[in-house]
Structures are given as C-alpha cells and as structure tokens.
Amino acid sequence: FENKWLKEPDLEETVIDGWGVNDNIEIVGRVAHCANKLQGWGKRKRVKFKQEIEECVREMEALRDNQGEA
C-alpha cells in the first residue's frame, strides 16, 4: 500500500470490493483478497500513468518542433 493512493478517487471502491464485505470469509482471506485487488488496481494505475507521461512527452516534442512558429 502506498500513501499516495489515498488521493485516488477509486481507491475506496477497490478496497470495499477487495474486502468482500458481504462475503463470509475469515480475516486472512479478506486481507489476501483485498491485497490482490489492490495489486491489480495499482498495476492499472501505473500503466495509465505511464501512458499519460508518454503523451505529455510527445506533446512537448511537438511544441519544441514548432518553437519558431506563431
């Protein structure tokens, strides 16, 4: 778990889903299930973040190429 995740709007939904509030499982199972959900969620976030960075880099390069124009 990373503290910066607390700023993500969909974290709470992921934790609630991972915790399995309505499931009849023991605490160890809940923690493991929640950890798996958070791990998948984190991977998706990293991929999305990487794509956003790549898009920004492309945009910056395009702006540098047009530096002499209006």
Protein backbone atom coordinates (compact mmCIF):
# COMPACT_ATOMS: atom_id res chain seq x y z
CA PHE A 1 0.00 0.00 0.00
CA GLU A 2 1.30 3.43 -0.90
CA ASN A 3 0.12 6.58 0.87
CA LYS A 4 -0.21 8.45 -2.43
CA TRP A 5 -3.01 6.03 -3.33
CA LEU A 6 -5.18 7.75 -0.72
CA LYS A 7 -5.59 10.65 -3.15
CA GLU A 8 -7.04 8.40 -5.87
CA PRO A 9 -10.84 8.66 -6.16
CA ASP A 10 -11.41 4.98 -6.98
CA LEU A 11 -9.32 3.53 -4.14
CA GLU A 12 -12.20 3.24 -1.70
CA GLU A 13 -14.29 1.26 -4.18
CA THR A 14 -11.36 -1.09 -4.81
CA VAL A 15 -10.81 -1.70 -1.09
CA ILE A 16 -14.51 -2.29 -0.41
CA ASP A 17 -14.69 -4.71 -3.32
CA GLY A 18 -11.48 -6.42 -2.24
CA TRP A 19 -12.51 -6.69 1.39
CA GLY A 20 -15.63 -8.62 0.39
CA VAL A 21 -17.99 -7.01 2.90
CA ASN A 22 -20.83 -9.37 2.03
CA ASP A 23 -18.66 -12.49 1.77
CA ASN A 24 -18.40 -14.94 4.64
CA ILE A 25 -14.62 -15.38 4.76
CA GLU A 26 -12.06 -15.20 7.56
CA ILE A 27 -9.80 -12.20 8.11
CA VAL A 28 -6.74 -13.80 6.48
CA GLY A 29 -8.78 -14.48 3.37
CA ARG A 30 -10.15 -10.92 3.36
CA VAL A 31 -6.68 -9.42 3.62
CA ALA A 32 -5.33 -11.65 0.84
CA HIS A 33 -8.29 -10.89 -1.42
CA CYS A 34 -8.01 -7.16 -0.75
CA ALA A 35 -4.25 -7.26 -1.40
CA ASN A 36 -4.83 -8.97 -4.75
CA LYS A 37 -7.42 -6.36 -5.75
CA LEU A 38 -5.07 -3.53 -4.75
CA GLN A 39 -2.19 -5.10 -6.65
CA GLY A 40 -4.23 -5.28 -9.86
CA TRP A 41 -5.55 -1.77 -9.33
CA GLY A 42 -2.01 -0.46 -8.80
CA LYS A 43 -0.76 -2.09 -11.99
CA ARG A 44 -3.57 -0.49 -13.99
CA LYS A 45 -2.76 2.89 -12.42
CA ARG A 46 0.93 2.57 -13.34
CA VAL A 47 0.10 1.68 -16.94
CA LYS A 48 -2.28 4.63 -17.21
CA PHE A 49 0.26 6.98 -15.61
CA LYS A 50 2.99 5.78 -17.98
CA GLN A 51 0.70 6.39 -20.97
CA GLU A 52 -0.08 9.91 -19.72
CA ILE A 53 3.64 10.66 -19.38
CA GLU A 54 4.34 9.37 -22.89
CA GLU A 55 1.55 11.55 -24.24
CA CYS A 56 2.97 14.62 -22.47
CA VAL A 57 6.44 13.87 -23.85
CA ARG A 58 5.05 13.65 -27.39
CA GLU A 59 3.18 16.93 -26.92
CA MET A 60 6.32 18.64 -25.57
CA GLU A 61 8.36 17.39 -28.51
CA ALA A 62 5.74 18.67 -30.95
CA LEU A 63 5.77 22.07 -29.25
CA ARG A 64 9.58 22.19 -29.42
CA ASP A 65 9.42 21.41 -33.15
CA ASN A 66 7.06 24.38 -33.65
CA GLN A 67 9.08 26.76 -31.47
CA GLY A 68 9.86 29.24 -34.27
CA GLU A 69 6.25 29.42 -35.48
CA ALA A 70 3.49 31.64 -34.12
